[in-house]
Amino acid sequence: MLLLPLGVMLLLAGGDYELWSWSLASDHDVLALVCGLTLAPLSITLLWLALLCAARVLKRAAAEPRREPWRSAMSARSQRRAGATAAAAEPRPEGEPASMGGPSSSGSIAA
């Protein structure tokens, strides 16, 4: 995810801004010039990464409802299979047909 690069850029841009403001206040002209020149590209990159991160979060939030039925269907299928193997392992009383003992192991729906 983009959180690590976003955090690194936030630290770099914040540190550059703090150094720039300190160098302006204490009359370090060359350092203020260098920090001022590097502050613009760092700020633009930070803004770009923040927009990318926000777009990725919105994309995941929009895609989440579509993936949820698939996940629940997969978990229901695996629960049916687990129940079928547990039901097959249990002994059945004599005379009881296999179809009444539990869910079928084929996973198909009979009409």
PDB file of N, CA and C in Angstrom:
ATOM      1  N   MET A   1       0.835  -1.171   0.000  1.00  0.00           N
ATOM      2  CA  MET A   1       0.000   0.000   0.000  1.00  0.00           C
ATOM      3  C   MET A   1       0.882   1.237   0.000  1.00  0.00           C
ATOM      4  N   LEU A   2       0.277   2.379  -0.182  1.00  0.00           N
ATOM      5  CA  LEU A   2       1.035   3.610  -0.308  1.00  0.00           C
ATOM      6  C   LEU A   2       1.281   4.317   1.016  1.00  0.00           C
ATOM      7  N   LEU A   3       1.029   3.696   2.144  1.00  0.00           N
ATOM      8  CA  LEU A   3       1.190   4.388   3.415  1.00  0.00           C
ATOM      9  C   LEU A   3       2.657   4.629   3.760  1.00  0.00           C
ATOM     10  N   LEU A   4       3.528   3.710   3.450  1.00  0.00           N
ATOM     11  CA  LEU A   4       4.943   3.900   3.759  1.00  0.00           C
ATOM     12  C   LEU A   4       5.549   5.039   2.940  1.00  0.00           C
ATOM     13  N   PRO A   5       5.391   5.078   1.611  1.00  0.00           N
ATOM     14  CA  PRO A   5       5.924   6.223   0.869  1.00  0.00           C
ATOM     15  C   PRO A   5       5.265   7.544   1.280  1.00  0.00           C
ATOM     16  N   LEU A   6       3.972   7.482   1.610  1.00  0.00           N
ATOM     17  CA  LEU A   6       3.285   8.694   2.044  1.00  0.00           C
ATOM     18  C   LEU A   6       3.868   9.192   3.365  1.00  0.00           C
ATOM     19  N   GLY A   7       4.152   8.292   4.288  1.00  0.00           N
ATOM     20  CA  GLY A   7       4.753   8.678   5.557  1.00  0.00           C
ATOM     21  C   GLY A   7       6.155   9.228   5.391  1.00  0.00           C
ATOM     22  N   VAL A   8       6.935   8.610   4.509  1.00  0.00           N
ATOM     23  CA  VAL A   8       8.291   9.087   4.267  1.00  0.00           C
ATOM     24  C   VAL A   8       8.258  10.483   3.664  1.00  0.00           C
ATOM     25  N   MET A   9       7.371  10.696   2.694  1.00  0.00           N
ATOM     26  CA  MET A   9       7.277  12.021   2.077  1.00  0.00           C
ATOM     27  C   MET A   9       6.769  13.058   3.059  1.00  0.00           C
ATOM     28  N   LEU A  10       5.869  12.652   3.944  1.00  0.00           N
ATOM     29  CA  LEU A  10       5.376  13.578   4.959  1.00  0.00           C
ATOM     30  C   LEU A  10       6.516  14.006   5.891  1.00  0.00           C
ATOM     31  N   LEU A  11       7.339  13.059   6.285  1.00  0.00           N
ATOM     32  CA  LEU A  11       8.493  13.392   7.135  1.00  0.00           C
ATOM     33  C   LEU A  11       9.499  14.281   6.397  1.00  0.00           C
ATOM     34  N   LEU A  12       9.769  13.965   5.139  1.00  0.00           N
ATOM     35  CA  LEU A  12      10.719  14.776   4.377  1.00  0.00           C
ATOM     36  C   LEU A  12      10.209  16.198   4.154  1.00  0.00           C
ATOM     37  N   ALA A  13       8.959  16.318   3.751  1.00  0.00           N
ATOM     38  CA  ALA A  13       8.405  17.648   3.503  1.00  0.00           C
ATOM     39  C   ALA A  13       8.280  18.442   4.797  1.00  0.00           C
ATOM     40  N   GLY A  14       7.874  17.783   5.870  1.00  0.00           N
ATOM     41  CA  GLY A  14       7.776  18.475   7.155  1.00  0.00           C
ATOM     42  C   GLY A  14       9.131  18.917   7.673  1.00  0.00           C
ATOM     43  N   GLY A  15      10.117  18.042   7.557  1.00  0.00           N
ATOM     44  CA  GLY A  15      11.469  18.409   7.976  1.00  0.00           C
ATOM     45  C   GLY A  15      12.045  19.531   7.140  1.00  0.00           C
ATOM     46  N   ASP A  16      11.786  19.495   5.835  1.00  0.00           N
ATOM     47  CA  ASP A  16      12.276  20.549   4.947  1.00  0.00           C
ATOM     48  C   ASP A  16      11.610  21.882   5.281  1.00  0.00           C
ATOM     49  N   TYR A  17      10.321  21.838   5.573  1.00  0.00           N
ATOM     50  CA  TYR A  17       9.616  23.073   5.936  1.00  0.00           C
ATOM     51  C   TYR A  17      10.150  23.643   7.245  1.00  0.00           C
ATOM     52  N   GLU A  18      10.370  22.774   8.228  1.00  0.00           N
ATOM     53  CA  GLU A  18      10.906  23.243   9.512  1.00  0.00           C
ATOM     54  C   GLU A  18      12.303  23.826   9.342  1.00  0.00           C
ATOM     55  N   LEU A  19      13.145  23.185   8.547  1.00  0.00           N
ATOM     56  CA  LEU A  19      14.495  23.695   8.302  1.00  0.00           C
ATOM     57  C   LEU A  19      14.442  25.013   7.542  1.00  0.00           C
ATOM     58  N   TRP A  20      13.545  25.135   6.591  1.00  0.00           N
ATOM     59  CA  TRP A  20      13.388  26.371   5.827  1.00  0.00           C
ATOM     60  C   TRP A  20      12.941  27.523   6.724  1.00  0.00           C
ATOM     61  N   SER A  21      11.945  27.265   7.576  1.00  0.00           N
ATOM     62  CA  SER A  21      11.474  28.343   8.446  1.00  0.00           C
ATOM     63  C   SER A  21      12.534  28.720   9.492  1.00  0.00           C
ATOM     64  N   TRP A  22      13.294  27.747   9.996  1.00  0.00           N
ATOM     65  CA  TRP A  22      14.350  28.053  10.947  1.00  0.00           C
ATOM     66  C   TRP A  22      15.457  28.854  10.284  1.00  0.00           C
ATOM     67  N   SER A  23      15.828  28.448   9.062  1.00  0.00           N
ATOM     68  CA  SER A  23      16.919  29.152   8.387  1.00  0.00           C
ATOM     69  C   SER A  23      16.510  30.569   7.989  1.00  0.00           C
ATOM     70  N   LEU A  24      15.250  30.799   7.704  1.00  0.00           N
ATOM     71  CA  LEU A  24      14.790  32.167   7.436  1.00  0.00           C
ATOM     72  C   LEU A  24      14.841  33.028   8.692  1.00  0.00           C
ATOM     73  N   ALA A  25      14.461  32.442   9.828  1.00  0.00           N
ATOM     74  CA  ALA A  25      14.434  33.204  11.071  1.00  0.00           C
ATOM     75  C   ALA A  25      15.826  33.510  11.597  1.00  0.00           C
ATOM     76  N   SER A  26      16.804  32.671  11.295  1.00  0.00           N
ATOM     77  CA  SER A  26      18.141  32.877  11.851  1.00  0.00           C
ATOM     78  C   SER A  26      19.147  33.370  10.812  1.00  0.00           C
ATOM     79  N   ASP A  27      18.657  33.918   9.726  1.00  0.00           N
ATOM     80  CA  ASP A  27      19.479  34.559   8.691  1.00  0.00           C
ATOM     81  C   ASP A  27      20.543  33.643   8.086  1.00  0.00           C
ATOM     82  N   HIS A  28      20.161  32.423   7.775  1.00  0.00           N
ATOM     83  CA  HIS A  28      21.005  31.509   7.004  1.00  0.00           C
ATOM     84  C   HIS A  28      20.450  31.498   5.574  1.00  0.00           C
ATOM     85  N   ASP A  29      20.937  32.433   4.765  1.00  0.00           N
ATOM     86  CA  ASP A  29      20.337  32.676   3.459  1.00  0.00           C
ATOM     87  C   ASP A  29      20.519  31.520   2.478  1.00  0.00           C
ATOM     88  N   VAL A  30      21.694  30.927   2.423  1.00  0.00           N
ATOM     89  CA  VAL A  30      21.958  29.848   1.467  1.00  0.00           C
ATOM     90  C   VAL A  30      21.114  28.613   1.815  1.00  0.00           C
ATOM     91  N   LEU A  31      21.067  28.287   3.097  1.00  0.00           N
ATOM     92  CA  LEU A  31      20.266  27.146   3.534  1.00  0.00           C
ATOM     93  C   LEU A  31      18.773  27.395   3.290  1.00  0.00           C
ATOM     94  N   ALA A  32      18.327  28.627   3.503  1.00  0.00           N
ATOM     95  CA  ALA A  32      16.929  28.976   3.239  1.00  0.00           C
ATOM     96  C   ALA A  32      16.607  28.858   1.756  1.00  0.00           C
ATOM     97  N   LEU A  33      17.546  29.250   0.896  1.00  0.00           N
ATOM     98  CA  LEU A  33      17.340  29.137  -0.543  1.00  0.00           C
ATOM     99  C   LEU A  33      17.247  27.673  -0.980  1.00  0.00           C
ATOM    100  N   VAL A  34      18.152  26.834  -0.482  1.00  0.00           N
ATOM    101  CA  VAL A  34      18.151  25.409  -0.853  1.00  0.00           C
ATOM    102  C   VAL A  34      16.880  24.728  -0.353  1.00  0.00           C
ATOM    103  N   CYS A  35      16.524  24.992   0.892  1.00  0.00           N
ATOM    104  CA  CYS A  35      15.316  24.374   1.445  1.00  0.00           C
ATOM    105  C   CYS A  35      14.063  24.881   0.746  1.00  0.00           C
ATOM    106  N   GLY A  36      14.045  26.156   0.383  1.00  0.00           N
ATOM    107  CA  GLY A  36      12.896  26.707  -0.333  1.00  0.00           C
ATOM    108  C   GLY A  36      12.742  26.107  -1.715  1.00  0.00           C
ATOM    109  N   LEU A  37      13.882  25.853  -2.376  1.00  0.00           N
ATOM    110  CA  LEU A  37      13.817  25.251  -3.708  1.00  0.00           C
ATOM    111  C   LEU A  37      13.387  23.788  -3.664  1.00  0.00           C
ATOM    112  N   THR A  38      13.737  23.072  -2.623  1.00  0.00           N
ATOM    113  CA  THR A  38      13.353  21.658  -2.537  1.00  0.00           C
ATOM    114  C   THR A  38      11.966  21.470  -1.923  1.00  0.00           C
ATOM    115  N   LEU A  39      11.430  22.507  -1.299  1.00  0.00           N
ATOM    116  CA  LEU A  39      10.132  22.377  -0.650  1.00  0.00           C
ATOM    117  C   LEU A  39       8.995  22.212  -1.663  1.00  0.00           C
ATOM    118  N   ALA A  40       9.065  22.891  -2.783  1.00  0.00           N
ATOM    119  CA  ALA A  40       7.992  22.800  -3.782  1.00  0.00           C
ATOM    120  C   ALA A  40       7.866  21.384  -4.371  1.00  0.00           C
ATOM    121  N   PRO A  41       8.947  20.757  -4.849  1.00  0.00           N
ATOM    122  CA  PRO A  41       8.787  19.387  -5.372  1.00  0.00           C
ATOM    123  C   PRO A  41       8.359  18.374  -4.305  1.00  0.00           C
ATOM    124  N   LEU A  42       8.874  18.547  -3.089  1.00  0.00           N
ATOM    125  CA  LEU A  42       8.453  17.644  -2.016  1.00  0.00           C
ATOM    126  C   LEU A  42       6.970  17.805  -1.704  1.00  0.00           C
ATOM    127  N   SER A  43       6.483  19.022  -1.707  1.00  0.00           N
ATOM    128  CA  SER A  43       5.066  19.270  -1.428  1.00  0.00           C
ATOM    129  C   SER A  43       4.172  18.726  -2.540  1.00  0.00           C
ATOM    130  N   ILE A  44       4.605  18.892  -3.770  1.00  0.00           N
ATOM    131  CA  ILE A  44       3.821  18.361  -4.900  1.00  0.00           C
ATOM    132  C   ILE A  44       3.785  16.835  -4.847  1.00  0.00           C
ATOM    133  N   THR A  45       4.908  16.219  -4.542  1.00  0.00           N
ATOM    134  CA  THR A  45       4.957  14.759  -4.437  1.00  0.00           C
ATOM    135  C   THR A  45       4.103  14.265  -3.276  1.00  0.00           C
ATOM    136  N   LEU A  46       4.140  14.974  -2.162  1.00  0.00           N
ATOM    137  CA  LEU A  46       3.307  14.607  -1.019  1.00  0.00           C
ATOM    138  C   LEU A  46       1.831  14.709  -1.373  1.00  0.00           C
ATOM    139  N   LEU A  47       1.441  15.758  -2.059  1.00  0.00           N
ATOM    140  CA  LEU A  47       0.042  15.908  -2.476  1.00  0.00           C
ATOM    141  C   LEU A  47      -0.363  14.803  -3.443  1.00  0.00           C
ATOM    142  N   TRP A  48       0.515  14.458  -4.386  1.00  0.00           N
ATOM    143  CA  TRP A  48       0.235  13.401  -5.354  1.00  0.00           C
ATOM    144  C   TRP A  48       0.051  12.043  -4.661  1.00  0.00           C
ATOM    145  N   LEU A  49       0.927  11.727  -3.713  1.00  0.00           N
ATOM    146  CA  LEU A  49       0.800  10.461  -2.991  1.00  0.00           C
ATOM    147  C   LEU A  49      -0.448  10.435  -2.120  1.00  0.00           C
ATOM    148  N   ALA A  50      -0.818  11.568  -1.532  1.00  0.00           N
ATOM    149  CA  ALA A  50      -2.044  11.629  -0.732  1.00  0.00           C
ATOM    150  C   ALA A  50      -3.272  11.403  -1.606  1.00  0.00           C
ATOM    151  N   LEU A  51      -3.270  11.976  -2.810  1.00  0.00           N
ATOM    152  CA  LEU A  51      -4.392  11.755  -3.733  1.00  0.00           C
ATOM    153  C   LEU A  51      -4.457  10.300  -4.196  1.00  0.00           C
ATOM    154  N   LEU A  52      -3.311   9.700  -4.477  1.00  0.00           N
ATOM    155  CA  LEU A  52      -3.291   8.285  -4.867  1.00  0.00           C
ATOM    156  C   LEU A  52      -3.795   7.386  -3.743  1.00  0.00           C
ATOM    157  N   CYS A  53      -3.392   7.680  -2.531  1.00  0.00           N
ATOM    158  CA  CYS A  53      -3.828   6.887  -1.384  1.00  0.00           C
ATOM    159  C   CYS A  53      -5.333   7.039  -1.172  1.00  0.00           C
ATOM    160  N   ALA A  54      -5.852   8.256  -1.295  1.00  0.00           N
ATOM    161  CA  ALA A  54      -7.287   8.483  -1.140  1.00  0.00           C
ATOM    162  C   ALA A  54      -8.076   7.777  -2.250  1.00  0.00           C
ATOM    163  N   ALA A  55      -7.551   7.816  -3.477  1.00  0.00           N
ATOM    164  CA  ALA A  55      -8.226   7.126  -4.586  1.00  0.00           C
ATOM    165  C   ALA A  55      -8.238   5.622  -4.365  1.00  0.00           C
ATOM    166  N   ARG A  56      -7.142   5.073  -3.849  1.00  0.00           N
ATOM    167  CA  ARG A  56      -7.082   3.632  -3.590  1.00  0.00           C
ATOM    168  C   ARG A  56      -8.059   3.227  -2.484  1.00  0.00           C
ATOM    169  N   VAL A  57      -8.169   4.058  -1.452  1.00  0.00           N
ATOM    170  CA  VAL A  57      -9.115   3.770  -0.372  1.00  0.00           C
ATOM    171  C   VAL A  57     -10.544   3.826  -0.889  1.00  0.00           C
ATOM    172  N   LEU A  58     -10.858   4.818  -1.710  1.00  0.00           N
ATOM    173  CA  LEU A  58     -12.207   4.908  -2.287  1.00  0.00           C
ATOM    174  C   LEU A  58     -12.496   3.734  -3.220  1.00  0.00           C
ATOM    175  N   LYS A  59     -11.496   3.306  -3.970  1.00  0.00           N
ATOM    176  CA  LYS A  59     -11.676   2.163  -4.869  1.00  0.00           C
ATOM    177  C   LYS A  59     -11.958   0.890  -4.078  1.00  0.00           C
ATOM    178  N   ARG A  60     -11.225   0.690  -2.992  1.00  0.00           N
ATOM    179  CA  ARG A  60     -11.467  -0.491  -2.162  1.00  0.00           C
ATOM    180  C   ARG A  60     -12.823  -0.426  -1.475  1.00  0.00           C
ATOM    181  N   ALA A  61     -13.222   0.762  -1.048  1.00  0.00           N
ATOM    182  CA  ALA A  61     -14.525   0.900  -0.388  1.00  0.00           C
ATOM    183  C   ALA A  61     -15.656   0.642  -1.372  1.00  0.00           C
ATOM    184  N   ALA A  62     -15.480   1.053  -2.617  1.00  0.00           N
ATOM    185  CA  ALA A  62     -16.514   0.820  -3.625  1.00  0.00           C
ATOM    186  C   ALA A  62     -16.548  -0.640  -4.059  1.00  0.00           C
ATOM    187  N   ALA A  63     -15.420  -1.321  -4.050  1.00  0.00           N
ATOM    188  CA  ALA A  63     -15.358  -2.709  -4.502  1.00  0.00           C
ATOM    189  C   ALA A  63     -15.724  -3.684  -3.392  1.00  0.00           C
ATOM    190  N   GLU A  64     -15.745  -3.267  -2.163  1.00  0.00           N
ATOM    191  CA  GLU A  64     -15.993  -4.174  -1.041  1.00  0.00           C
ATOM    192  C   GLU A  64     -17.376  -4.828  -1.083  1.00  0.00           C
ATOM    193  N   PRO A  65     -18.469  -4.125  -1.354  1.00  0.00           N
ATOM    194  CA  PRO A  65     -19.772  -4.812  -1.384  1.00  0.00           C
ATOM    195  C   PRO A  65     -19.871  -5.872  -2.478  1.00  0.00           C
ATOM    196  N   ARG A  66     -19.161  -5.700  -3.571  1.00  0.00           N
ATOM    197  CA  ARG A  66     -19.215  -6.698  -4.630  1.00  0.00           C
ATOM    198  C   ARG A  66     -18.444  -7.956  -4.257  1.00  0.00           C
ATOM    199  N   ARG A  67     -17.420  -7.847  -3.453  1.00  0.00           N
ATOM    200  CA  ARG A  67     -16.646  -9.026  -3.068  1.00  0.00           C
ATOM    201  C   ARG A  67     -17.289  -9.784  -1.920  1.00  0.00           C
ATOM    202  N   GLU A  68     -18.103  -9.145  -1.121  1.00  0.00           N
ATOM    203  CA  GLU A  68     -18.655  -9.769   0.079  1.00  0.00           C
ATOM    204  C   GLU A  68     -19.545 -10.980  -0.229  1.00  0.00           C
ATOM    205  N   PRO A  69     -20.460 -10.940  -1.206  1.00  0.00           N
ATOM    206  CA  PRO A  69     -21.233 -12.157  -1.485  1.00  0.00           C
ATOM    207  C   PRO A  69     -20.357 -13.329  -1.918  1.00  0.00           C
ATOM    208  N   TRP A  70     -19.294 -13.053  -2.616  1.00  0.00           N
ATOM    209  CA  TRP A  70     -18.394 -14.117  -3.038  1.00  0.00           C
ATOM    210  C   TRP A  70     -17.735 -14.756  -1.813  1.00  0.00           C
ATOM    211  N   ARG A  71     -17.307 -13.908  -0.876  1.00  0.00           N
ATOM    212  CA  ARG A  71     -16.681 -14.448   0.327  1.00  0.00           C
ATOM    213  C   ARG A  71     -17.663 -15.255   1.149  1.00  0.00           C
ATOM    214  N   SER A  72     -18.876 -14.758   1.316  1.00  0.00           N
ATOM    215  CA  SER A  72     -19.852 -15.483   2.122  1.00  0.00           C
ATOM    216  C   SER A  72     -20.262 -16.781   1.427  1.00  0.00           C
ATOM    217  N   ALA A  73     -20.324 -16.775   0.106  1.00  0.00           N
ATOM    218  CA  ALA A  73     -20.655 -18.002  -0.616  1.00  0.00           C
ATOM    219  C   ALA A  73     -19.532 -19.020  -0.464  1.00  0.00           C
ATOM    220  N   MET A  74     -18.296 -18.549  -0.507  1.00  0.00           N
ATOM    221  CA  MET A  74     -17.178 -19.472  -0.343  1.00  0.00           C
ATOM    222  C   MET A  74     -17.143 -20.036   1.073  1.00  0.00           C
ATOM    223  N   SER A  75     -17.424 -19.202   2.066  1.00  0.00           N
ATOM    224  CA  SER A  75     -17.390 -19.716   3.434  1.00  0.00           C
ATOM    225  C   SER A  75     -18.566 -20.662   3.677  1.00  0.00           C
ATOM    226  N   ALA A  76     -19.739 -20.388   3.077  1.00  0.00           N
ATOM    227  CA  ALA A  76     -20.871 -21.295   3.220  1.00  0.00           C
ATOM    228  C   ALA A  76     -20.566 -22.632   2.548  1.00  0.00           C
ATOM    229  N   ARG A  77     -19.890 -22.581   1.401  1.00  0.00           N
ATOM    230  CA  ARG A  77     -19.554 -23.815   0.693  1.00  0.00           C
ATOM    231  C   ARG A  77     -18.565 -24.636   1.515  1.00  0.00           C
ATOM    232  N   SER A  78     -17.574 -23.972   2.096  1.00  0.00           N
ATOM    233  CA  SER A  78     -16.597 -24.724   2.889  1.00  0.00           C
ATOM    234  C   SER A  78     -17.240 -25.257   4.169  1.00  0.00           C
ATOM    235  N   GLN A  79     -18.206 -24.525   4.744  1.00  0.00           N
ATOM    236  CA  GLN A  79     -18.913 -25.030   5.921  1.00  0.00           C
ATOM    237  C   GLN A  79     -19.769 -26.238   5.560  1.00  0.00           C
ATOM    238  N   ARG A  80     -20.406 -26.208   4.387  1.00  0.00           N
ATOM    239  CA  ARG A  80     -21.196 -27.366   3.948  1.00  0.00           C
ATOM    240  C   ARG A  80     -20.303 -28.578   3.767  1.00  0.00           C
ATOM    241  N   ARG A  81     -19.131 -28.353   3.172  1.00  0.00           N
ATOM    242  CA  ARG A  81     -18.218 -29.481   2.963  1.00  0.00           C
ATOM    243  C   ARG A  81     -17.717 -30.028   4.291  1.00  0.00           C
ATOM    244  N   ALA A  82     -17.423 -29.140   5.225  1.00  0.00           N
ATOM    245  CA  ALA A  82     -16.963 -29.593   6.532  1.00  0.00           C
ATOM    246  C   ALA A  82     -18.076 -30.340   7.251  1.00  0.00           C
ATOM    247  N   GLY A  83     -19.309 -29.883   7.107  1.00  0.00           N
ATOM    248  CA  GLY A  83     -20.446 -30.570   7.719  1.00  0.00           C
ATOM    249  C   GLY A  83     -20.696 -31.915   7.072  1.00  0.00           C
ATOM    250  N   ALA A  84     -20.473 -31.995   5.765  1.00  0.00           N
ATOM    251  CA  ALA A  84     -20.688 -33.255   5.060  1.00  0.00           C
ATOM    252  C   ALA A  84     -19.665 -34.295   5.485  1.00  0.00           C
ATOM    253  N   THR A  85     -18.434 -33.897   5.662  1.00  0.00           N
ATOM    254  CA  THR A  85     -17.436 -34.871   6.077  1.00  0.00           C
ATOM    255  C   THR A  85     -17.652 -35.276   7.527  1.00  0.00           C
ATOM    256  N   ALA A  86     -18.130 -34.355   8.363  1.00  0.00           N
ATOM    257  CA  ALA A  86     -18.421 -34.696   9.757  1.00  0.00           C
ATOM    258  C   ALA A  86     -19.641 -35.612   9.828  1.00  0.00           C
ATOM    259  N   ALA A  87     -20.644 -35.353   8.981  1.00  0.00           N
ATOM    260  CA  ALA A  87     -21.838 -36.190   8.968  1.00  0.00           C
ATOM    261  C   ALA A  87     -21.521 -37.572   8.410  1.00  0.00           C
ATOM    262  N   ALA A  88     -20.611 -37.660   7.458  1.00  0.00           N
ATOM    263  CA  ALA A  88     -20.243 -38.955   6.892  1.00  0.00           C
ATOM    264  C   ALA A  88     -19.460 -39.775   7.908  1.00  0.00           C
ATOM    265  N   ALA A  89     -18.771 -39.123   8.807  1.00  0.00           N
ATOM    266  CA  ALA A  89     -17.978 -39.847   9.790  1.00  0.00           C
ATOM    267  C   ALA A  89     -18.842 -40.380  10.932  1.00  0.00           C
ATOM    268  N   GLU A  90     -20.010 -39.761  11.174  1.00  0.00           N
ATOM    269  CA  GLU A  90     -20.886 -40.206  12.257  1.00  0.00           C
ATOM    270  C   GLU A  90     -21.604 -41.494  11.854  1.00  0.00           C
ATOM    271  N   PRO A  91     -21.730 -42.440  12.752  1.00  0.00           N
ATOM    272  CA  PRO A  91     -22.481 -43.659  12.414  1.00  0.00           C
ATOM    273  C   PRO A  91     -23.981 -43.354  12.344  1.00  0.00           C
ATOM    274  N   ARG A  92     -24.657 -43.997  11.397  1.00  0.00           N
ATOM    275  CA  ARG A  92     -26.095 -43.801  11.218  1.00  0.00           C
ATOM    276  C   ARG A  92     -26.836 -44.991  11.824  1.00  0.00           C
ATOM    277  N   PRO A  93     -28.002 -44.711  12.391  1.00  0.00           N
ATOM    278  CA  PRO A  93     -28.823 -45.831  12.872  1.00  0.00           C
ATOM    279  C   PRO A  93     -29.263 -46.691  11.684  1.00  0.00           C
ATOM    280  N   GLU A  94     -29.482 -47.959  11.941  1.00  0.00           N
ATOM    281  CA  GLU A  94     -29.881 -48.863  10.865  1.00  0.00           C
ATOM    282  C   GLU A  94     -31.248 -48.480  10.342  1.00  0.00           C
ATOM    283  N   GLY A  95     -31.405 -48.577   9.062  1.00  0.00           N
ATOM    284  CA  GLY A  95     -32.687 -48.288   8.436  1.00  0.00           C
ATOM    285  C   GLY A  95     -32.833 -46.834   8.020  1.00  0.00           C
ATOM    286  N   GLU A  96     -31.964 -45.969   8.456  1.00  0.00           N
ATOM    287  CA  GLU A  96     -32.070 -44.550   8.069  1.00  0.00           C
ATOM    288  C   GLU A  96     -31.341 -44.365   6.752  1.00  0.00           C
ATOM    289  N   PRO A  97     -32.002 -43.781   5.765  1.00  0.00           N
ATOM    290  CA  PRO A  97     -31.339 -43.564   4.474  1.00  0.00           C
ATOM    291  C   PRO A  97     -30.238 -42.509   4.603  1.00  0.00           C
ATOM    292  N   ALA A  98     -29.282 -42.578   3.723  1.00  0.00           N
ATOM    293  CA  ALA A  98     -28.150 -41.651   3.767  1.00  0.00           C
ATOM    294  C   ALA A  98     -28.569 -40.227   3.448  1.00  0.00           C
ATOM    295  N   SER A  99     -29.647 -40.022   2.669  1.00  0.00           N
ATOM    296  CA  SER A  99     -30.063 -38.685   2.283  1.00  0.00           C
ATOM    297  C   SER A  99     -30.668 -37.930   3.440  1.00  0.00           C
ATOM    298  N   MET A 100     -31.136 -38.589   4.508  1.00  0.00           N
ATOM    299  CA  MET A 100     -31.758 -37.898   5.610  1.00  0.00           C
ATOM    300  C   MET A 100     -30.755 -37.585   6.706  1.00  0.00           C
ATOM    301  N   GLY A 101     -29.556 -38.070   6.585  1.00  0.00           N
ATOM    302  CA  GLY A 101     -28.563 -37.921   7.657  1.00  0.00           C
ATOM    303  C   GLY A 101     -27.917 -36.555   7.718  1.00  0.00           C
ATOM    304  N   GLY A 102     -27.923 -35.767   6.670  1.00  0.00           N
ATOM    305  CA  GLY A 102     -27.255 -34.474   6.694  1.00  0.00           C
ATOM    306  C   GLY A 102     -27.104 -33.936   5.286  1.00  0.00           C
ATOM    307  N   PRO A 103     -26.315 -32.914   5.115  1.00  0.00           N
ATOM    308  CA  PRO A 103     -26.152 -32.356   3.783  1.00  0.00           C
ATOM    309  C   PRO A 103     -25.372 -33.293   2.865  1.00  0.00           C
ATOM    310  N   SER A 104     -25.677 -33.196   1.600  1.00  0.00           N
ATOM    311  CA  SER A 104     -24.997 -34.078   0.654  1.00  0.00           C
ATOM    312  C   SER A 104     -23.581 -33.579   0.416  1.00  0.00           C
ATOM    313  N   SER A 105     -22.713 -34.504   0.093  1.00  0.00           N
ATOM    314  CA  SER A 105     -21.312 -34.116  -0.113  1.00  0.00           C
ATOM    315  C   SER A 105     -21.067 -33.573  -1.499  1.00  0.00           C
ATOM    316  N   SER A 106     -22.037 -33.699  -2.418  1.00  0.00           N
ATOM    317  CA  SER A 106     -21.808 -33.219  -3.766  1.00  0.00           C
ATOM    318  C   SER A 106     -21.949 -31.711  -3.856  1.00  0.00           C
ATOM    319  N   GLY A 107     -22.691 -31.083  -2.957  1.00  0.00           N
ATOM    320  CA  GLY A 107     -22.853 -29.635  -2.978  1.00  0.00           C
ATOM    321  C   GLY A 107     -23.860 -29.164  -4.000  1.00  0.00           C
ATOM    322  N   SER A 108     -24.535 -30.087  -4.731  1.00  0.00           N
ATOM    323  CA  SER A 108     -25.520 -29.670  -5.717  1.00  0.00           C
ATOM    324  C   SER A 108     -26.898 -29.616  -5.070  1.00  0.00           C
ATOM    325  N   ILE A 109     -27.744 -28.805  -5.660  1.00  0.00           N
ATOM    326  CA  ILE A 109     -29.103 -28.637  -5.131  1.00  0.00           C
ATOM    327  C   ILE A 109     -30.027 -29.526  -5.954  1.00  0.00           C
ATOM    328  N   ALA A 110     -30.784 -30.372  -5.267  1.00  0.00           N
ATOM    329  CA  ALA A 110     -31.716 -31.259  -5.963  1.00  0.00           C
ATOM    330  C   ALA A 110     -33.027 -30.517  -6.173  1.00  0.00           C
ATOM    331  N   ALA A 111     -33.603 -30.680  -7.358  1.00  0.00           N
ATOM    332  CA  ALA A 111     -34.856 -30.002  -7.688  1.00  0.00           C
ATOM    333  C   ALA A 111     -36.047 -30.901  -7.441  1.00  0.00           C
TER     334      ALA A 111
END
